[in-house]
Amino acid sequence: MPVRGRASQLVVACLAATSLAGAAPAQAGKAPKPKVVTVADFFFAPSSVTIPREGKVKWVWAPTNVESHDVHLKQGPKGLKKKATYSTRTTAVTNATFVKAFPTPGSYRFICTIHPTKMKLTVTVKK
């Protein structure tokens, strides 16, 4: 093979390696999308989710709701700090979202305080 052919192959290989090397850290540092939980009339869907440590849950109120709902942390893992930040401050019928990150591994049990016997959710955060 002529020198020019080898040189061009080397340039192409270097460019490909450089572009791949630059792309890898961006994807490695990319945060996973939050798990979405629908807040619907009288249920959370799904009723349980598992996320990695530092993962997030995003609650979205269903547009078809006719009742008010909230998200309230009933029980969290031992040593959990700032428990109040895991609950919404107000109730909503529709057009609401609530996003929360979970840095502490363990099991979290949520309810709607307006419908506590019907609306329950468990979030499990892996170590």
N, C-alpha and C. Protein backbone atom coordinates (compact mmCIF):
# COMPACT_ATOMS: atom_id res chain seq x y z
N MET A 1 0.85 -1.17 0.00
CA MET A 1 0.00 0.00 0.00
C MET A 1 0.90 1.24 0.00
N PRO A 2 0.56 2.24 -0.80
CA PRO A 2 1.38 3.44 -0.85
C PRO A 2 1.36 4.18 0.49
N VAL A 3 2.37 4.99 0.72
CA VAL A 3 2.50 5.74 1.96
C VAL A 3 1.30 6.66 2.16
N ARG A 4 0.83 7.26 1.07
CA ARG A 4 -0.33 8.17 1.18
C ARG A 4 -1.55 7.43 1.73
N GLY A 5 -1.79 6.21 1.26
CA GLY A 5 -2.93 5.42 1.72
C GLY A 5 -2.83 5.10 3.20
N ARG A 6 -1.62 4.74 3.63
CA ARG A 6 -1.43 4.44 5.06
C ARG A 6 -1.58 5.70 5.90
N ALA A 7 -1.06 6.79 5.42
CA ALA A 7 -1.15 8.05 6.16
C ALA A 7 -2.60 8.49 6.31
N SER A 8 -3.39 8.36 5.24
CA SER A 8 -4.79 8.76 5.33
C SER A 8 -5.56 7.83 6.26
N GLN A 9 -5.21 6.54 6.25
CA GLN A 9 -5.86 5.61 7.17
C GLN A 9 -5.52 5.98 8.61
N LEU A 10 -4.27 6.37 8.85
CA LEU A 10 -3.85 6.76 10.18
C LEU A 10 -4.58 8.01 10.64
N VAL A 11 -4.74 8.99 9.76
CA VAL A 11 -5.45 10.22 10.09
C VAL A 11 -6.91 9.91 10.44
N VAL A 12 -7.55 9.08 9.63
CA VAL A 12 -8.94 8.70 9.89
C VAL A 12 -9.06 7.98 11.23
N ALA A 13 -8.14 7.07 11.51
CA ALA A 13 -8.17 6.33 12.77
C ALA A 13 -7.98 7.27 13.96
N CYS A 14 -7.07 8.23 13.83
CA CYS A 14 -6.83 9.19 14.91
C CYS A 14 -8.04 10.08 15.15
N LEU A 15 -8.65 10.54 14.06
CA LEU A 15 -9.85 11.37 14.19
C LEU A 15 -10.98 10.60 14.86
N ALA A 16 -11.16 9.36 14.47
CA ALA A 16 -12.21 8.53 15.07
C ALA A 16 -11.93 8.31 16.54
N ALA A 17 -10.70 8.02 16.91
CA ALA A 17 -10.35 7.79 18.31
C ALA A 17 -10.55 9.06 19.12
N THR A 18 -10.18 10.21 18.55
CA THR A 18 -10.33 11.48 19.25
C THR A 18 -11.80 11.80 19.47
N SER A 19 -12.63 11.58 18.45
CA SER A 19 -14.05 11.90 18.61
C SER A 19 -14.72 10.95 19.60
N LEU A 20 -14.32 9.69 19.60
CA LEU A 20 -14.88 8.74 20.57
C LEU A 20 -14.41 9.05 21.97
N ALA A 21 -13.17 9.43 22.12
CA ALA A 21 -12.64 9.75 23.45
C ALA A 21 -13.35 10.97 24.01
N GLY A 22 -13.65 11.94 23.16
CA GLY A 22 -14.36 13.12 23.62
C GLY A 22 -15.80 12.83 23.97
N ALA A 23 -16.42 11.86 23.32
CA ALA A 23 -17.83 11.56 23.56
C ALA A 23 -18.04 10.74 24.81
N ALA A 24 -17.09 9.90 25.16
CA ALA A 24 -17.27 8.99 26.29
C ALA A 24 -17.51 9.71 27.61
N PRO A 25 -16.69 10.71 28.00
CA PRO A 25 -16.94 11.34 29.29
C PRO A 25 -18.28 12.06 29.35
N ALA A 26 -18.73 12.64 28.24
CA ALA A 26 -20.01 13.34 28.26
C ALA A 26 -21.15 12.37 28.56
N GLN A 27 -21.10 11.18 28.00
CA GLN A 27 -22.16 10.22 28.26
C GLN A 27 -22.02 9.61 29.64
N ALA A 28 -20.78 9.39 30.09
CA ALA A 28 -20.56 8.80 31.41
C ALA A 28 -21.06 9.72 32.50
N GLY A 29 -20.92 11.05 32.32
CA GLY A 29 -21.36 12.00 33.33
C GLY A 29 -22.82 12.40 33.20
N LYS A 30 -23.49 11.90 32.20
CA LYS A 30 -24.88 12.25 31.95
C LYS A 30 -25.78 11.61 33.00
N ALA A 31 -26.59 12.41 33.66
CA ALA A 31 -27.49 11.90 34.69
C ALA A 31 -28.65 11.14 34.05
N PRO A 32 -29.06 10.04 34.68
CA PRO A 32 -30.21 9.31 34.14
C PRO A 32 -31.48 10.13 34.27
N LYS A 33 -32.41 9.88 33.38
CA LYS A 33 -33.69 10.57 33.44
C LYS A 33 -34.43 10.15 34.70
N PRO A 34 -35.21 11.07 35.28
CA PRO A 34 -35.97 10.69 36.47
C PRO A 34 -37.04 9.65 36.14
N LYS A 35 -37.38 8.83 37.11
CA LYS A 35 -38.51 7.91 36.98
C LYS A 35 -39.77 8.75 37.12
N VAL A 36 -40.70 8.59 36.22
CA VAL A 36 -41.93 9.37 36.25
C VAL A 36 -43.03 8.57 36.94
N VAL A 37 -43.69 9.22 37.89
CA VAL A 37 -44.83 8.64 38.59
C VAL A 37 -46.03 9.55 38.35
N THR A 38 -47.10 8.98 37.86
CA THR A 38 -48.32 9.75 37.63
C THR A 38 -49.13 9.84 38.91
N VAL A 39 -49.57 11.05 39.23
CA VAL A 39 -50.47 11.29 40.36
C VAL A 39 -51.86 11.39 39.75
N ALA A 40 -52.61 10.31 39.86
CA ALA A 40 -53.94 10.24 39.24
C ALA A 40 -55.00 10.19 40.33
N ASP A 41 -56.25 10.31 39.91
CA ASP A 41 -57.33 10.24 40.89
C ASP A 41 -57.31 8.88 41.58
N PHE A 42 -56.84 8.90 42.81
CA PHE A 42 -56.87 7.77 43.75
C PHE A 42 -55.79 6.72 43.56
N PHE A 43 -54.71 7.02 42.80
CA PHE A 43 -53.58 6.09 42.74
C PHE A 43 -52.34 6.79 42.20
N PHE A 44 -51.18 6.22 42.57
CA PHE A 44 -49.91 6.58 41.97
C PHE A 44 -49.59 5.48 40.96
N ALA A 45 -49.07 5.86 39.80
CA ALA A 45 -48.74 4.86 38.78
C ALA A 45 -47.34 5.13 38.25
N PRO A 46 -46.43 4.17 38.43
CA PRO A 46 -46.61 2.89 39.11
C PRO A 46 -46.65 3.09 40.63
N SER A 47 -46.98 2.02 41.35
CA SER A 47 -47.08 2.12 42.80
C SER A 47 -45.74 1.84 43.49
N SER A 48 -44.75 1.43 42.71
CA SER A 48 -43.39 1.28 43.26
C SER A 48 -42.37 1.50 42.15
N VAL A 49 -41.25 2.11 42.52
CA VAL A 49 -40.15 2.33 41.59
C VAL A 49 -38.84 2.07 42.31
N THR A 50 -37.84 1.66 41.54
CA THR A 50 -36.49 1.47 42.06
C THR A 50 -35.55 2.35 41.26
N ILE A 51 -34.72 3.09 41.99
CA ILE A 51 -33.79 4.01 41.35
C ILE A 51 -32.40 3.84 41.97
N PRO A 52 -31.37 4.30 41.25
CA PRO A 52 -30.03 4.26 41.84
C PRO A 52 -29.87 5.41 42.84
N ARG A 53 -28.86 5.30 43.68
CA ARG A 53 -28.53 6.39 44.59
C ARG A 53 -28.28 7.66 43.77
N GLU A 54 -28.78 8.78 44.21
CA GLU A 54 -28.73 10.07 43.51
C GLU A 54 -29.73 10.14 42.36
N GLY A 55 -30.52 9.09 42.15
CA GLY A 55 -31.55 9.11 41.13
C GLY A 55 -32.68 10.04 41.54
N LYS A 56 -33.55 10.32 40.59
CA LYS A 56 -34.66 11.25 40.84
C LYS A 56 -35.99 10.59 40.49
N VAL A 57 -37.03 11.08 41.15
CA VAL A 57 -38.41 10.73 40.82
C VAL A 57 -39.12 12.03 40.47
N LYS A 58 -39.91 11.96 39.40
CA LYS A 58 -40.70 13.13 38.98
C LYS A 58 -42.17 12.72 39.02
N TRP A 59 -42.92 13.37 39.90
CA TRP A 59 -44.36 13.13 39.99
C TRP A 59 -45.05 14.11 39.04
N VAL A 60 -46.00 13.61 38.26
CA VAL A 60 -46.73 14.42 37.30
C VAL A 60 -48.22 14.20 37.53
N TRP A 61 -48.94 15.27 37.81
CA TRP A 61 -50.38 15.18 38.04
C TRP A 61 -51.09 14.95 36.71
N ALA A 62 -51.97 13.97 36.68
CA ALA A 62 -52.68 13.60 35.45
C ALA A 62 -53.62 14.73 35.02
N PRO A 63 -53.70 14.99 33.72
CA PRO A 63 -54.56 16.06 33.23
C PRO A 63 -56.05 15.75 33.36
N THR A 64 -56.37 14.48 33.63
CA THR A 64 -57.78 14.07 33.76
C THR A 64 -58.29 14.10 35.20
N ASN A 65 -57.44 14.49 36.14
CA ASN A 65 -57.85 14.52 37.55
C ASN A 65 -59.00 15.48 37.78
N VAL A 66 -59.86 15.12 38.73
CA VAL A 66 -60.91 16.02 39.20
C VAL A 66 -60.79 16.26 40.70
N GLU A 67 -59.87 15.55 41.34
CA GLU A 67 -59.63 15.67 42.79
C GLU A 67 -58.24 16.27 43.05
N SER A 68 -58.09 16.91 44.19
CA SER A 68 -56.79 17.42 44.63
C SER A 68 -55.96 16.29 45.22
N HIS A 69 -54.65 16.38 45.02
CA HIS A 69 -53.72 15.38 45.56
C HIS A 69 -52.43 16.05 45.98
N ASP A 70 -51.70 15.38 46.87
CA ASP A 70 -50.36 15.81 47.24
C ASP A 70 -49.46 14.59 47.32
N VAL A 71 -48.19 14.83 47.58
CA VAL A 71 -47.21 13.76 47.76
C VAL A 71 -46.60 14.00 49.13
N HIS A 72 -46.69 13.00 49.99
CA HIS A 72 -46.20 13.16 51.36
C HIS A 72 -45.35 11.95 51.76
N LEU A 73 -44.13 12.22 52.24
CA LEU A 73 -43.27 11.15 52.73
C LEU A 73 -43.80 10.68 54.08
N LYS A 74 -44.29 9.45 54.11
CA LYS A 74 -44.81 8.85 55.35
C LYS A 74 -43.67 8.25 56.16
N GLN A 75 -42.72 7.58 55.48
CA GLN A 75 -41.62 6.94 56.17
C GLN A 75 -40.41 6.85 55.24
N GLY A 76 -39.22 7.15 55.78
CA GLY A 76 -37.99 7.06 55.01
C GLY A 76 -36.95 6.24 55.75
N PRO A 77 -35.78 6.05 55.14
CA PRO A 77 -34.74 5.27 55.79
C PRO A 77 -34.19 5.97 57.04
N LYS A 78 -33.60 5.20 57.94
CA LYS A 78 -33.01 5.77 59.15
C LYS A 78 -31.92 6.77 58.77
N GLY A 79 -31.86 7.85 59.52
CA GLY A 79 -30.83 8.86 59.28
C GLY A 79 -31.15 9.83 58.17
N LEU A 80 -32.32 9.73 57.58
CA LEU A 80 -32.70 10.65 56.49
C LEU A 80 -32.84 12.06 57.03
N LYS A 81 -32.18 13.00 56.35
CA LYS A 81 -32.23 14.39 56.76
C LYS A 81 -33.19 15.16 55.86
N LYS A 82 -33.70 16.25 56.37
CA LYS A 82 -34.59 17.15 55.62
C LYS A 82 -35.81 16.40 55.07
N LYS A 83 -36.47 15.65 55.94
CA LYS A 83 -37.63 14.85 55.53
C LYS A 83 -38.73 15.69 54.89
N ALA A 84 -38.90 16.91 55.37
CA ALA A 84 -39.97 17.76 54.84
C ALA A 84 -39.79 18.07 53.35
N THR A 85 -38.56 18.03 52.85
CA THR A 85 -38.32 18.34 51.44
C THR A 85 -38.78 17.22 50.51
N TYR A 86 -39.18 16.09 51.08
CA TYR A 86 -39.66 14.96 50.28
C TYR A 86 -41.18 15.01 50.09
N SER A 87 -41.82 16.07 50.54
CA SER A 87 -43.27 16.21 50.41
C SER A 87 -43.61 17.52 49.71
N THR A 88 -44.74 17.52 48.99
CA THR A 88 -45.18 18.77 48.37
C THR A 88 -45.74 19.67 49.46
N ARG A 89 -45.67 20.95 49.22
CA ARG A 89 -46.17 21.92 50.21
C ARG A 89 -47.64 22.23 50.00
N THR A 90 -48.13 21.98 48.81
CA THR A 90 -49.53 22.28 48.50
C THR A 90 -50.16 21.08 47.79
N THR A 91 -51.45 21.18 47.59
CA THR A 91 -52.16 20.17 46.81
C THR A 91 -52.43 20.74 45.42
N ALA A 92 -52.70 19.84 44.49
CA ALA A 92 -53.01 20.27 43.13
C ALA A 92 -53.99 19.28 42.52
N VAL A 93 -54.71 19.72 41.51
CA VAL A 93 -55.60 18.84 40.76
C VAL A 93 -54.89 18.41 39.48
N THR A 94 -54.44 19.37 38.68
CA THR A 94 -53.70 19.09 37.44
C THR A 94 -52.59 20.12 37.28
N ASN A 95 -51.84 19.99 36.19
CA ASN A 95 -50.79 20.95 35.83
C ASN A 95 -49.75 21.16 36.94
N ALA A 96 -49.35 20.07 37.58
CA ALA A 96 -48.33 20.18 38.62
C ALA A 96 -47.29 19.08 38.44
N THR A 97 -46.07 19.38 38.87
CA THR A 97 -45.00 18.39 38.91
C THR A 97 -44.21 18.59 40.19
N PHE A 98 -43.55 17.54 40.61
CA PHE A 98 -42.68 17.58 41.79
C PHE A 98 -41.53 16.64 41.51
N VAL A 99 -40.29 17.16 41.60
CA VAL A 99 -39.10 16.35 41.32
C VAL A 99 -38.24 16.32 42.58
N LYS A 100 -37.77 15.12 42.91
CA LYS A 100 -36.94 14.98 44.10
C LYS A 100 -35.80 14.01 43.83
N ALA A 101 -34.58 14.38 44.24
CA ALA A 101 -33.41 13.50 44.17
C ALA A 101 -33.32 12.71 45.47
N PHE A 102 -32.76 11.51 45.36
CA PHE A 102 -32.67 10.60 46.51
C PHE A 102 -31.22 10.20 46.76
N PRO A 103 -30.49 10.95 47.61
CA PRO A 103 -29.10 10.61 47.87
C PRO A 103 -28.91 9.50 48.91
N THR A 104 -29.93 9.21 49.69
CA THR A 104 -29.82 8.22 50.76
C THR A 104 -30.48 6.91 50.35
N PRO A 105 -29.70 5.82 50.30
CA PRO A 105 -30.28 4.51 49.95
C PRO A 105 -31.30 4.06 50.99
N GLY A 106 -32.25 3.26 50.54
CA GLY A 106 -33.26 2.71 51.44
C GLY A 106 -34.64 2.73 50.83
N SER A 107 -35.61 2.52 51.69
CA SER A 107 -37.01 2.47 51.25
C SER A 107 -37.76 3.71 51.73
N TYR A 108 -38.53 4.29 50.82
CA TYR A 108 -39.32 5.48 51.09
C TYR A 108 -40.78 5.15 50.82
N ARG A 109 -41.64 5.49 51.74
CA ARG A 109 -43.07 5.23 51.56
C ARG A 109 -43.81 6.57 51.49
N PHE A 110 -44.53 6.75 50.39
CA PHE A 110 -45.26 7.99 50.15
C PHE A 110 -46.76 7.72 50.15
N ILE A 111 -47.52 8.75 50.53
CA ILE A 111 -48.98 8.71 50.45
C ILE A 111 -49.47 10.06 49.93
N CYS A 112 -50.73 10.09 49.55
CA CYS A 112 -51.45 11.35 49.36
C CYS A 112 -52.18 11.56 50.67
N THR A 113 -51.98 12.67 51.35
CA THR A 113 -52.61 12.87 52.66
C THR A 113 -54.12 13.02 52.56
N ILE A 114 -54.62 13.32 51.39
CA ILE A 114 -56.06 13.46 51.19
C ILE A 114 -56.70 12.08 50.99
N HIS A 115 -55.95 11.15 50.40
CA HIS A 115 -56.45 9.80 50.12
C HIS A 115 -55.41 8.76 50.60
N PRO A 116 -55.09 8.75 51.90
CA PRO A 116 -53.97 7.94 52.38
C PRO A 116 -54.16 6.43 52.30
N THR A 117 -55.39 5.96 52.27
CA THR A 117 -55.60 4.51 52.19
C THR A 117 -55.58 4.00 50.76
N LYS A 118 -55.78 4.90 49.81
CA LYS A 118 -55.82 4.50 48.39
C LYS A 118 -54.51 4.79 47.65
N MET A 119 -53.89 5.91 47.97
CA MET A 119 -52.73 6.37 47.20
C MET A 119 -51.45 6.12 47.98
N LYS A 120 -50.73 5.06 47.58
CA LYS A 120 -49.48 4.69 48.24
C LYS A 120 -48.42 4.43 47.17
N LEU A 121 -47.19 4.79 47.51
CA LEU A 121 -46.06 4.61 46.60
C LEU A 121 -44.83 4.24 47.40
N THR A 122 -44.07 3.28 46.91
CA THR A 122 -42.79 2.93 47.52
C THR A 122 -41.68 3.23 46.54
N VAL A 123 -40.68 3.98 47.00
CA VAL A 123 -39.49 4.26 46.21
C VAL A 123 -38.33 3.53 46.90
N THR A 124 -37.66 2.67 46.15
CA THR A 124 -36.50 1.96 46.68
C THR A 124 -35.26 2.54 46.02
N VAL A 125 -34.32 2.99 46.85
CA VAL A 125 -33.08 3.58 46.36
C VAL A 125 -31.96 2.59 46.63
N LYS A 126 -31.31 2.12 45.55
CA LYS A 126 -30.22 1.15 45.67
C LYS A 126 -28.96 1.81 46.19
N LYS A 127 -28.11 1.00 46.81
CA LYS A 127 -26.82 1.50 47.34
C LYS A 127 -25.86 1.76 46.22
